[in-house]
Structure formats: C-alpha cells, structure tokens
C-alpha cells in the first residue's frame, strides 16, 4: 500500500500576517476618507452651482465681518456693559475664542495642511468672492471661533444662545458660500469650537470669583488675627 497523499486543501494554511490585517484596515480607512472627500467636494460644488443672487452680497459681507472675530468681539464689548452676568459671559466667550483660534491656526491647520478649494474651477460667482486666505483650509478658523463664542456665552447667558448660535451657523455657511472652505472644514471647525468653549467654561468654573477669593483671604488671616488679639489682651 502506498502512503496517502496530501492535497492543498488538507495542508494547514498559516494565519494571516498582522501586516496584512493592518494593511486591510488601512485600505478600508483610506477608502472611507476618499468617499468623505468626494461627498465634501460634491457639496461644495452644489453650493457653488446654486444661484443665490439675493444672498451673495449679504453672506460676503458677513464672512468679511467675521475676520479676526470682529463680530464676536463687538458683541462681547456690548455684553460687558450690560451687567455682571453678561460681563461674565463676555469674558468666558472671549476666552473660548482664544482657545479656538489657537487650536485651529496653530495646531489643526499645521497638522492637516489641506489645500483651499479651487474656487475658479468650481465657478463660484465673483459676486460671492472674499479674499482667499493663504493658510490651510482645514479646519475653518472663522467657524471655530464663532461657535466657541456662541456656545460659551450661551451657557452662561441662556437667552443669548439661540441668536448667537444662528449667527455662528451663518458665519460657517458663509465660508462655504464664498468659496474659501469645504463643508467638512466648517463641520470640523464647529466641533473644535464646542470643545474650545467647554475648555473655557471649565477654566472659568475652576477659577474662584473675586468675592470667593476675598472670603478665602479673610479665612486664611483669621487665625493670625485671633492670635494677635489674644497676645494684645
């Protein structure tokens, strides 16, 4: 009798290499990002192709007015004159802008380095044009700052939440409408703005008020005052 022969089907196959598994996951992740970029570009093109002559000038002016958070700072100045609670809201809002601006411009844009949209290729009408920034596109710094300010102020001063939220949304959309950002840049800026507001609110909550600081100082000096008073008796 002859020994039984083994076939390829009977031969145990080695487990998949970890590098192959990682490569498969990386390929899937890359495909997902590719699809998201395609959707992002399609949304940008759809906005560019939609004629809105009535809105073009308004959104262009709004986008320009939001440069360097001028609108938010003007609102903060008005709130600072309106009483104690609005003043606190203004201070927290300005702090949120600082966090959002630094995170977007010093961290996000330098890490991702996404190129700005090709506004001419998308045929964005000239009536919408604002100056194309030279910085990276991702994330939208205008949106991050506007959302950060609106969120922080809205938490401290709830009646201001809806109007400031609507204003921040309009600022974010204006950046797509004028052709300087993809919708994905604006979405990322909004998320960053919310996180920045949370950080500013947490810092404000951790900082004692002036009245609390005065009480703490008095409490610390109380034993010393008591001892001195006893010695003088």
Protein backbone atom coordinates (compact mmCIF):
# COMPACT_ATOMS: atom_id res chain seq x y z
CA UNK A 1 0.00 0.00 0.00
CA UNK A 2 1.14 3.48 -0.68
CA UNK A 3 1.04 6.27 1.84
CA UNK A 4 -1.92 8.61 1.46
CA UNK A 5 -1.06 11.79 -0.33
CA UNK A 6 -1.92 15.22 0.99
CA UNK A 7 -3.64 17.77 -1.14
CA UNK A 8 -3.55 21.58 -0.93
CA UNK A 9 -6.93 21.53 0.74
CA UNK A 10 -5.58 19.31 3.51
CA UNK A 11 -2.50 21.41 4.10
CA UNK A 12 -2.97 23.80 7.02
CA UNK A 13 -2.54 27.39 5.91
CA UNK A 14 -0.76 29.94 8.08
CA UNK A 15 -2.75 32.63 9.79
CA UNK A 16 -2.89 35.99 8.04
CA UNK A 17 0.08 38.19 8.70
CA UNK A 18 -0.57 41.05 11.12
CA UNK A 19 0.80 43.41 8.50
CA UNK A 20 -1.78 42.16 6.01
CA UNK A 21 -4.56 42.72 8.54
CA UNK A 22 -3.30 46.21 9.29
CA UNK A 23 -2.97 46.88 5.59
CA UNK A 24 -6.55 45.80 5.05
CA UNK A 25 -7.79 48.09 7.77
CA UNK A 26 -5.68 50.93 6.43
CA UNK A 27 -7.09 50.35 2.98
CA UNK A 28 -10.64 50.44 4.33
CA UNK A 29 -9.93 53.61 6.27
CA UNK A 30 -8.40 55.19 3.21
CA UNK A 31 -11.44 54.26 1.15
CA UNK A 32 -13.76 55.79 3.75
CA UNK A 33 -11.78 59.04 3.76
CA UNK A 34 -11.79 59.05 -0.03
CA UNK A 35 -15.58 58.73 -0.05
CA UNK A 36 -15.91 61.51 2.54
CA UNK A 37 -13.70 63.78 0.43
CA UNK A 38 -15.87 63.01 -2.58
CA UNK A 39 -19.03 63.92 -0.68
CA UNK A 40 -17.34 67.06 0.66
CA UNK A 41 -16.35 68.13 -2.84
CA UNK A 42 -19.82 67.38 -4.20
CA UNK A 43 -21.46 69.52 -1.51
CA UNK A 44 -19.03 72.35 -2.21
CA UNK A 45 -19.79 72.13 -5.94
CA UNK A 46 -23.54 72.07 -5.26
CA UNK A 47 -23.36 75.26 -3.21
CA UNK A 48 -21.20 76.91 -5.88
CA UNK A 49 -23.63 75.91 -8.66
CA UNK A 50 -26.76 77.13 -6.85
CA UNK A 51 -27.64 80.69 -7.91
CA UNK A 52 -28.49 82.88 -4.90
CA UNK A 53 -28.05 86.49 -6.04
CA UNK A 54 -30.04 87.86 -3.10
CA UNK A 55 -27.83 86.15 -0.53
CA UNK A 56 -24.47 86.59 -2.24
CA UNK A 57 -23.70 90.13 -1.10
CA UNK A 58 -25.08 89.60 2.43
CA UNK A 59 -23.05 86.45 3.05
CA UNK A 60 -19.95 88.01 1.54
CA UNK A 61 -20.21 90.95 3.95
CA UNK A 62 -20.89 88.60 6.85
CA UNK A 63 -17.86 86.46 6.02
CA UNK A 64 -15.68 89.55 5.82
CA UNK A 65 -17.07 90.98 9.07
CA UNK A 66 -16.20 87.72 10.84
CA UNK A 67 -12.50 88.14 10.05
CA UNK A 68 -10.47 88.15 13.28
CA UNK A 69 -13.74 87.54 15.21
CA UNK A 70 -14.71 91.22 14.86
CA UNK A 71 -18.43 90.45 15.25
CA UNK A 72 -17.91 88.36 18.38
CA UNK A 73 -15.65 90.95 19.98
CA UNK A 74 -18.20 93.69 19.29
CA UNK A 75 -20.92 91.60 20.94
CA UNK A 76 -18.61 90.88 23.89
CA UNK A 77 -17.99 94.61 24.33
CA UNK A 78 -21.74 95.26 24.42
CA UNK A 79 -22.29 92.45 26.91
CA UNK A 80 -19.54 93.77 29.16
CA UNK A 81 -21.57 96.95 29.66
CA UNK A 82 -24.84 95.16 30.40
CA UNK A 83 -24.29 93.88 33.93
CA UNK A 84 -22.47 91.29 35.99
CA UNK A 85 -23.75 88.09 34.35
CA UNK A 86 -23.44 89.37 30.76
CA UNK A 87 -19.94 90.59 31.65
CA UNK A 88 -19.00 87.10 32.84
CA UNK A 89 -20.46 85.64 29.64
CA UNK A 90 -18.39 88.05 27.58
CA UNK A 91 -15.17 87.14 29.39
CA UNK A 92 -15.77 83.40 29.00
CA UNK A 93 -16.72 83.91 25.36
CA UNK A 94 -13.51 85.81 24.62
CA UNK A 95 -11.54 83.09 26.36
CA UNK A 96 -13.26 80.48 24.19
CA UNK A 97 -12.30 82.45 21.07
CA UNK A 98 -8.67 82.48 22.17
CA UNK A 99 -8.65 78.70 22.68
CA UNK A 100 -10.43 78.04 19.37
CA UNK A 101 -8.23 80.36 17.35
CA UNK A 102 -5.02 78.90 18.75
CA UNK A 103 -6.23 75.33 18.26
CA UNK A 104 -7.36 75.93 14.68
CA UNK A 105 -4.48 78.04 13.43
CA UNK A 106 -1.52 76.77 15.41
CA UNK A 107 -2.50 73.10 15.58
CA UNK A 108 -5.21 71.97 13.18
CA UNK A 109 -4.09 73.79 10.04
CA UNK A 110 -0.44 72.85 10.55
CA UNK A 111 -1.23 69.18 11.10
CA UNK A 112 -3.67 68.60 8.24
CA UNK A 113 -2.48 71.16 5.67
CA UNK A 114 -5.48 70.74 3.40
CA UNK A 115 -5.38 72.88 0.28
CA UNK A 116 -8.02 75.53 -0.24
CA UNK A 117 -10.81 74.79 -2.73
CA UNK A 118 -10.29 75.69 -6.38
CA UNK A 119 -12.88 78.42 -6.50
CA UNK A 120 -12.34 79.20 -10.18
CA UNK A 121 -12.72 75.57 -11.24
CA UNK A 122 -15.95 75.34 -9.25
CA UNK A 123 -17.14 78.53 -10.96
CA UNK A 124 -18.05 80.34 -7.77
CA UNK A 125 -19.60 83.60 -8.94
CA UNK A 126 -17.43 86.67 -8.44
CA UNK A 127 -20.21 88.40 -6.50
CA UNK A 128 -19.50 85.99 -3.64
CA UNK A 129 -15.75 86.38 -3.55
CA UNK A 130 -13.82 87.39 -0.46
CA UNK A 131 -10.06 87.32 -0.27
CA UNK A 132 -8.81 83.74 -0.45
CA UNK A 133 -6.72 83.07 2.71
CA UNK A 134 -3.20 81.74 2.33
CA UNK A 135 -3.49 79.40 5.31
CA UNK A 136 -4.56 75.76 5.12
CA UNK A 137 -8.25 75.02 4.66
CA UNK A 138 -8.88 72.54 7.50
CA UNK A 139 -10.41 73.41 9.91
CA UNK A 140 -12.34 76.65 9.46
CA UNK A 141 -10.97 79.13 11.97
CA UNK A 142 -13.88 81.54 11.46
CA UNK A 143 -16.36 78.80 12.31
CA UNK A 144 -14.36 77.54 15.28
CA UNK A 145 -14.18 80.99 16.87
CA UNK A 146 -17.81 81.88 16.16
CA UNK A 147 -19.13 78.58 17.53
CA UNK A 148 -16.82 78.76 20.55
CA UNK A 149 -18.07 82.24 21.42
CA UNK A 150 -21.74 81.35 20.86
CA UNK A 151 -21.51 78.16 22.92
CA UNK A 152 -19.64 79.69 25.85
CA UNK A 153 -21.83 82.79 26.05
CA UNK A 154 -24.99 80.72 25.58
CA UNK A 155 -24.15 78.52 28.55
CA UNK A 156 -23.54 81.47 30.87
CA UNK A 157 -26.33 83.58 29.39
CA UNK A 158 -29.04 81.21 28.01
CA UNK A 159 -31.21 83.90 26.34
CA UNK A 160 -28.28 84.64 24.01
CA UNK A 161 -27.81 81.00 22.96
CA UNK A 162 -30.27 80.89 20.03
CA UNK A 163 -29.36 84.21 18.32
CA UNK A 164 -25.63 83.64 18.74
CA UNK A 165 -25.96 80.04 17.56
CA UNK A 166 -27.81 81.22 14.45
CA UNK A 167 -25.13 83.84 13.81
CA UNK A 168 -22.34 81.26 14.19
CA UNK A 169 -24.14 78.93 11.76
CA UNK A 170 -24.46 81.75 9.24
CA UNK A 171 -20.77 82.57 9.58
CA UNK A 172 -19.85 78.94 9.00
CA UNK A 173 -22.07 78.64 5.93
CA UNK A 174 -20.77 81.94 4.55
CA UNK A 175 -17.29 80.43 4.36
CA UNK A 176 -18.57 77.71 2.02
CA UNK A 177 -20.81 80.13 0.11
CA UNK A 178 -17.90 82.47 -0.62
CA UNK A 179 -15.83 79.50 -1.81
CA UNK A 180 -12.97 79.61 0.69
CA UNK A 181 -13.83 76.42 2.62
CA UNK A 182 -15.22 72.96 2.05
CA UNK A 183 -18.24 71.95 4.17
CA UNK A 184 -16.03 69.45 6.00
CA UNK A 185 -13.74 72.27 7.11
CA UNK A 186 -16.72 74.08 8.61
CA UNK A 187 -18.02 70.94 10.34
CA UNK A 188 -14.60 70.34 11.90
CA UNK A 189 -14.41 73.98 12.95
CA UNK A 190 -17.78 73.68 14.68
CA UNK A 191 -16.65 70.63 16.64
CA UNK A 192 -13.44 72.41 17.61
CA UNK A 193 -15.44 75.46 18.68
CA UNK A 194 -17.64 73.41 21.00
CA UNK A 195 -14.58 71.76 22.54
CA UNK A 196 -12.91 75.16 22.99
CA UNK A 197 -15.99 76.54 24.70
CA UNK A 198 -16.04 73.55 27.05
CA UNK A 199 -12.40 74.20 27.94
CA UNK A 200 -13.04 77.90 28.58
CA UNK A 201 -16.10 77.13 30.71
CA UNK A 202 -14.17 74.56 32.73
CA UNK A 203 -11.36 77.06 33.33
CA UNK A 204 -13.87 79.71 34.42
CA UNK A 205 -15.56 77.28 36.79
CA UNK A 206 -12.21 76.35 38.32
CA UNK A 207 -11.29 80.00 38.92
CA UNK A 208 -12.80 81.41 42.15
CA UNK A 209 -14.74 84.66 41.85
CA UNK A 210 -13.40 87.88 43.36
CA UNK A 211 -15.82 87.57 46.27
CA UNK A 212 -14.76 83.98 46.93
CA UNK A 213 -11.10 84.99 46.83
CA UNK A 214 -11.75 87.75 49.36
CA UNK A 215 -13.52 85.32 51.69
CA UNK A 216 -10.68 82.82 51.36
CA UNK A 217 -8.12 85.52 52.15
CA UNK A 218 -10.10 86.55 55.22
CA UNK A 219 -10.35 82.94 56.34
CA UNK A 220 -6.59 82.47 55.99
CA UNK A 221 -5.85 85.57 58.03
CA UNK A 222 -8.40 84.76 60.76
CA UNK A 223 -6.13 82.57 62.93
CA UNK A 224 -3.38 85.18 62.80
CA UNK A 225 -5.80 87.94 63.78
CA UNK A 226 -7.09 85.84 66.67
CA UNK A 227 -3.59 85.15 67.95
CA UNK A 228 -2.55 88.79 67.73
CA UNK A 229 -5.72 89.84 69.52
CA UNK A 230 -5.09 87.33 72.29
CA UNK A 231 -1.50 88.50 72.77
CA UNK A 232 -2.62 92.10 73.00
CA UNK A 233 -5.12 91.37 75.72
